[in-house]
N, C-alpha and C. Protein backbone atom coordinates (compact mmCIF):
# COMPACT_ATOMS: atom_id res chain seq x y z
N MET A 1 61.43 5.27 -1.70
CA MET A 1 60.37 5.60 -2.49
C MET A 1 59.66 6.09 -1.09
N THR A 2 58.69 7.41 -1.70
CA THR A 2 58.07 7.61 -0.96
C THR A 2 56.57 7.53 -0.47
N THR A 3 55.73 6.88 0.93
CA THR A 3 54.63 6.34 0.09
C THR A 3 53.33 7.42 0.31
N THR A 4 52.48 7.58 -0.06
CA THR A 4 51.73 8.68 -0.54
C THR A 4 50.30 8.09 -0.20
N LYS A 5 49.71 9.16 0.36
CA LYS A 5 48.65 8.37 1.62
C LYS A 5 46.91 8.95 0.54
N TYR A 6 46.44 8.08 0.40
CA TYR A 6 44.58 8.87 -0.76
C TYR A 6 44.05 8.51 0.12
N GLU A 7 42.43 9.10 -0.28
CA GLU A 7 41.26 9.14 0.12
C GLU A 7 40.71 8.83 -1.09
N ILE A 8 39.66 7.59 -1.00
CA ILE A 8 39.03 7.74 -2.18
C ILE A 8 37.70 7.32 -1.58
N THR A 9 36.39 8.47 -1.92
CA THR A 9 35.19 8.32 -1.58
C THR A 9 34.35 7.98 -3.38
N TYR A 10 33.59 7.29 -3.08
CA TYR A 10 32.88 6.96 -3.93
C TYR A 10 31.38 6.47 -3.88
N ILE A 11 30.28 7.05 -4.75
CA ILE A 11 28.98 6.76 -4.60
C ILE A 11 28.81 5.41 -4.88
N ILE A 12 27.66 4.20 -4.05
CA ILE A 12 26.71 3.44 -4.17
C ILE A 12 25.08 3.49 -5.17
N LYS A 13 24.67 3.03 -5.82
CA LYS A 13 23.82 3.07 -6.39
C LYS A 13 22.95 3.04 -5.32
N PRO A 14 21.53 3.50 -5.08
CA PRO A 14 20.80 3.64 -3.64
C PRO A 14 20.51 1.91 -3.48
N ASP A 15 19.83 1.37 -4.52
CA ASP A 15 18.94 0.62 -4.46
C ASP A 15 19.83 -1.19 -4.67
N ILE A 16 20.72 -0.42 -4.07
CA ILE A 16 21.72 -1.93 -4.37
C ILE A 16 21.57 -2.74 -2.76
N ASP A 17 20.83 -3.89 -2.63
CA ASP A 17 20.41 -4.48 -2.19
C ASP A 17 22.52 -5.01 -1.21
N GLU A 18 21.83 -5.08 0.34
CA GLU A 18 22.87 -5.22 1.35
C GLU A 18 24.22 -6.32 0.41
N GLU A 19 23.99 -7.18 0.27
CA GLU A 19 24.80 -8.38 0.85
C GLU A 19 25.64 -8.28 -1.00
N SER A 20 25.66 -6.97 -1.88
CA SER A 20 25.91 -7.03 -3.01
C SER A 20 26.76 -6.10 -2.84
N LYS A 21 26.14 -4.54 -1.38
CA LYS A 21 26.50 -3.76 -1.37
C LYS A 21 27.97 -4.30 -1.17
N LYS A 22 27.81 -5.13 -0.02
CA LYS A 22 28.81 -6.11 0.94
C LYS A 22 30.04 -6.30 0.38
N ALA A 23 29.71 -6.99 -0.81
CA ALA A 23 30.64 -7.60 -1.75
C ALA A 23 30.95 -6.38 -2.70
N LEU A 24 31.07 -5.67 -3.32
CA LEU A 24 31.49 -4.70 -3.89
C LEU A 24 32.50 -3.49 -2.94
N VAL A 25 32.01 -3.20 -2.00
CA VAL A 25 33.42 -2.80 -1.09
C VAL A 25 34.13 -3.64 -0.64
N GLU A 26 33.75 -5.12 -0.87
CA GLU A 26 35.19 -6.00 -0.57
C GLU A 26 36.05 -5.82 -1.65
N ASN A 27 35.28 -5.81 -2.44
CA ASN A 27 36.25 -5.86 -3.95
C ASN A 27 37.17 -5.10 -4.17
N TYR A 28 36.42 -3.88 -3.74
CA TYR A 28 37.27 -2.76 -4.04
C TYR A 28 38.59 -2.18 -3.02
N ASP A 29 38.57 -3.18 -1.68
CA ASP A 29 39.25 -2.80 -0.58
C ASP A 29 40.28 -3.66 -1.67
N LYS A 30 40.30 -5.25 -1.96
CA LYS A 30 41.42 -6.28 -2.42
C LYS A 30 41.80 -5.50 -3.72
N VAL A 31 41.23 -4.79 -3.96
CA VAL A 31 41.48 -3.26 -5.82
C VAL A 31 42.55 -3.29 -5.43
N ILE A 32 42.98 -2.55 -4.35
CA ILE A 32 43.43 -1.89 -3.62
C ILE A 32 44.70 -2.13 -3.35
N THR A 33 44.31 -3.61 -2.04
CA THR A 33 45.59 -4.12 -1.24
C THR A 33 46.48 -5.21 -2.57
N ASP A 34 45.96 -5.52 -4.18
CA ASP A 34 46.41 -6.20 -4.74
C ASP A 34 47.37 -5.54 -5.80
N ASN A 35 46.61 -4.16 -6.04
CA ASN A 35 47.93 -3.14 -6.50
C ASN A 35 48.91 -2.44 -5.47
N GLY A 36 49.30 -2.93 -4.45
CA GLY A 36 50.11 -2.01 -3.54
C GLY A 36 49.56 -1.16 -2.85
N GLY A 37 48.64 -1.61 -2.13
CA GLY A 37 48.56 -0.34 -1.48
C GLY A 37 47.97 -1.12 -0.05
N THR A 38 48.07 -0.55 1.30
CA THR A 38 47.94 -0.52 2.23
C THR A 38 46.66 0.07 2.68
N MET A 39 45.25 -0.88 3.07
CA MET A 39 44.79 -0.16 3.59
C MET A 39 44.70 0.68 5.04
N VAL A 40 43.97 1.74 5.04
CA VAL A 40 44.56 2.21 7.13
C VAL A 40 42.21 2.42 6.87
N GLU A 41 42.09 2.52 6.05
CA GLU A 41 40.40 2.22 6.55
C GLU A 41 39.30 2.93 5.83
N SER A 42 38.42 2.19 5.23
CA SER A 42 37.33 1.78 4.75
C SER A 42 35.79 1.39 5.33
N LYS A 43 35.02 2.74 5.08
CA LYS A 43 33.75 2.69 6.04
C LYS A 43 32.80 3.24 4.92
N ASP A 44 31.75 2.79 5.45
CA ASP A 44 30.67 3.41 5.07
C ASP A 44 30.32 4.95 5.61
N TRP A 45 29.63 5.36 4.79
CA TRP A 45 29.58 7.12 5.37
C TRP A 45 28.31 6.97 5.72
N GLU A 46 27.38 7.45 4.77
CA GLU A 46 25.91 7.56 4.69
C GLU A 46 25.03 7.52 3.64
N LYS A 47 23.67 7.24 3.29
CA LYS A 47 22.98 7.81 2.37
C LYS A 47 22.62 9.46 1.96
N ARG A 48 23.08 9.70 1.05
CA ARG A 48 22.68 11.32 1.07
C ARG A 48 22.34 12.12 -0.38
N HIS A 49 21.53 12.54 0.11
CA HIS A 49 20.91 13.55 -1.78
C HIS A 49 21.64 13.91 -2.08
N PHE A 50 21.61 14.31 -3.45
CA PHE A 50 22.09 14.94 -3.96
C PHE A 50 22.10 16.04 -4.34
N ALA A 51 22.77 17.07 -4.99
CA ALA A 51 22.52 18.01 -4.98
C ALA A 51 21.67 18.18 -6.75
N TYR A 52 21.77 17.61 -7.11
CA TYR A 52 21.11 17.02 -8.84
C TYR A 52 21.37 15.62 -9.38
N GLU A 53 20.69 14.93 -10.08
CA GLU A 53 20.46 13.99 -10.22
C GLU A 53 21.64 13.39 -11.02
N ILE A 54 21.98 12.15 -10.96
CA ILE A 54 23.21 11.59 -10.65
C ILE A 54 22.52 10.33 -11.58
N ASN A 55 22.62 10.02 -13.23
CA ASN A 55 22.03 8.81 -13.72
C ASN A 55 20.52 8.08 -13.49
N LYS A 56 19.70 9.40 -13.22
CA LYS A 56 18.53 9.06 -12.51
C LYS A 56 18.04 8.55 -11.25
N TYR A 57 19.50 9.03 -9.88
CA TYR A 57 19.47 8.94 -8.90
C TYR A 57 19.18 10.24 -8.01
N ARG A 58 18.36 10.24 -7.34
CA ARG A 58 18.16 11.53 -6.24
C ARG A 58 19.80 11.58 -5.01
N GLU A 59 19.65 9.90 -4.43
CA GLU A 59 20.38 10.09 -3.66
C GLU A 59 21.63 8.70 -3.89
N GLY A 60 22.18 8.89 -2.93
CA GLY A 60 23.31 7.79 -2.61
C GLY A 60 23.90 7.27 -2.05
N LEU A 61 24.95 6.32 -1.41
CA LEU A 61 25.27 5.67 -0.44
C LEU A 61 27.34 5.49 -0.39
N TYR A 62 27.01 5.98 0.41
CA TYR A 62 28.79 7.23 0.25
C TYR A 62 29.65 6.05 1.14
N HIS A 63 30.77 5.76 0.50
CA HIS A 63 31.92 5.02 0.79
C HIS A 63 32.75 5.74 1.16
N VAL A 64 33.96 5.39 1.95
CA VAL A 64 35.27 6.38 1.94
C VAL A 64 36.60 5.45 2.28
N MET A 65 37.26 5.31 1.82
CA MET A 65 38.15 4.34 2.21
C MET A 65 40.02 5.20 2.26
N THR A 66 40.53 5.14 2.94
CA THR A 66 41.45 5.87 3.48
C THR A 66 43.32 4.51 2.82
N PHE A 67 44.04 5.14 2.31
CA PHE A 67 45.09 3.92 2.04
C PHE A 67 46.28 4.57 1.43
N THR A 68 47.89 3.75 1.47
CA THR A 68 49.05 4.63 1.62
C THR A 68 48.83 3.58 0.98
N ALA A 69 50.37 4.20 -0.58
CA ALA A 69 50.76 3.46 -1.91
C ALA A 69 51.83 3.89 -1.97
N ASP A 70 53.01 3.19 -2.58
CA ASP A 70 54.57 3.80 -2.75
C ASP A 70 53.94 4.27 -4.13
N ASN A 71 52.86 3.61 -4.97
CA ASN A 71 52.58 4.40 -6.61
C ASN A 71 51.43 4.85 -7.12
N ALA A 72 51.10 4.58 -8.26
CA ALA A 72 49.44 5.38 -8.35
C ALA A 72 49.38 3.79 -8.74
N ASP A 73 49.33 2.68 -9.28
CA ASP A 73 48.92 1.53 -9.25
C ASP A 73 47.05 1.08 -9.33
N ALA A 74 47.02 1.39 -7.59
CA ALA A 74 46.38 0.74 -6.83
C ALA A 74 44.73 1.59 -7.44
N VAL A 75 45.81 3.72 -7.74
CA VAL A 75 44.30 4.66 -7.41
C VAL A 75 43.46 4.35 -8.97
N ASN A 76 45.35 3.76 -10.07
CA ASN A 76 44.39 3.72 -11.47
C ASN A 76 43.55 2.96 -11.57
N GLU A 77 43.99 1.53 -10.94
CA GLU A 77 43.02 0.22 -11.04
C GLU A 77 41.47 0.67 -10.53
N PHE A 78 41.81 0.92 -9.06
CA PHE A 78 40.42 1.69 -9.24
C PHE A 78 39.19 2.92 -9.76
N ASP A 79 40.69 3.32 -10.24
CA ASP A 79 39.27 4.01 -11.41
C ASP A 79 38.51 3.34 -11.99
N ARG A 80 40.03 2.95 -13.11
CA ARG A 80 39.46 2.08 -14.30
C ARG A 80 38.49 1.05 -13.98
N LEU A 81 38.18 0.33 -13.02
CA LEU A 81 37.43 -0.76 -12.44
C LEU A 81 35.69 0.01 -12.41
N SER A 82 35.78 0.89 -11.49
CA SER A 82 34.63 1.82 -10.90
C SER A 82 34.37 2.48 -12.33
N LYS A 83 34.36 3.54 -13.42
CA LYS A 83 34.25 3.71 -14.04
C LYS A 83 33.51 2.26 -15.26
N ILE A 84 34.16 1.82 -15.07
CA ILE A 84 33.12 0.13 -16.33
C ILE A 84 32.02 -0.03 -15.06
N ASP A 85 32.27 -0.56 -14.04
CA ASP A 85 30.81 -0.90 -12.78
C ASP A 85 29.62 -0.07 -12.47
N THR A 86 28.92 -0.06 -13.44
CA THR A 86 27.10 -0.07 -13.00
C THR A 86 26.82 0.37 -11.67
N ALA A 87 26.98 -0.23 -10.28
CA ALA A 87 27.22 0.46 -9.76
C ALA A 87 27.37 1.62 -8.04
N VAL A 88 28.29 1.93 -9.29
CA VAL A 88 29.25 2.64 -8.80
C VAL A 88 28.76 4.30 -9.88
N LEU A 89 28.14 5.24 -8.95
CA LEU A 89 27.76 6.59 -9.64
C LEU A 89 28.90 7.48 -10.19
N ARG A 90 29.45 7.48 -9.18
CA ARG A 90 30.76 8.42 -9.07
C ARG A 90 31.43 8.53 -7.76
N SER A 91 32.74 8.64 -8.12
CA SER A 91 34.28 8.76 -7.77
C SER A 91 34.96 9.76 -7.32
N MET A 92 35.62 9.54 -6.52
CA MET A 92 36.64 11.01 -6.15
C MET A 92 37.78 10.64 -5.60
N THR A 93 38.79 11.07 -5.95
CA THR A 93 40.16 10.18 -5.18
C THR A 93 41.36 11.45 -5.45
N VAL A 94 41.44 11.57 -3.68
CA VAL A 94 42.41 12.95 -2.96
C VAL A 94 43.23 12.19 -2.74
N LYS A 95 45.14 12.74 -2.63
CA LYS A 95 46.11 12.73 -2.19
C LYS A 95 46.12 13.31 -0.94
N VAL A 96 45.89 12.90 -0.02
CA VAL A 96 46.36 13.23 1.67
C VAL A 96 47.62 13.33 1.97
N GLY A 97 48.33 15.25 1.83
CA GLY A 97 48.71 15.22 2.50
C GLY A 97 50.60 14.95 1.29
């Protein structure tokens, strides 16, 4: 079975407090590892302004995760949970290589 490398970038609401943001990031890192992924890197990017409004916000906090996985279970679970979570404005998953 081949291992695939993924990169997920997600945008967190800018008005979230630092402790809640830290808990949210730790939770999503755990979702990846609990579903068979191996975390390579998980880092904050920066606060950036949007080209257009997303859910009444003009800016957001970007976070990038890079990980490897044998199947798409980790990606699917992250996708499912992030769509429910109101603190996550958008997410994008890219298969790297």
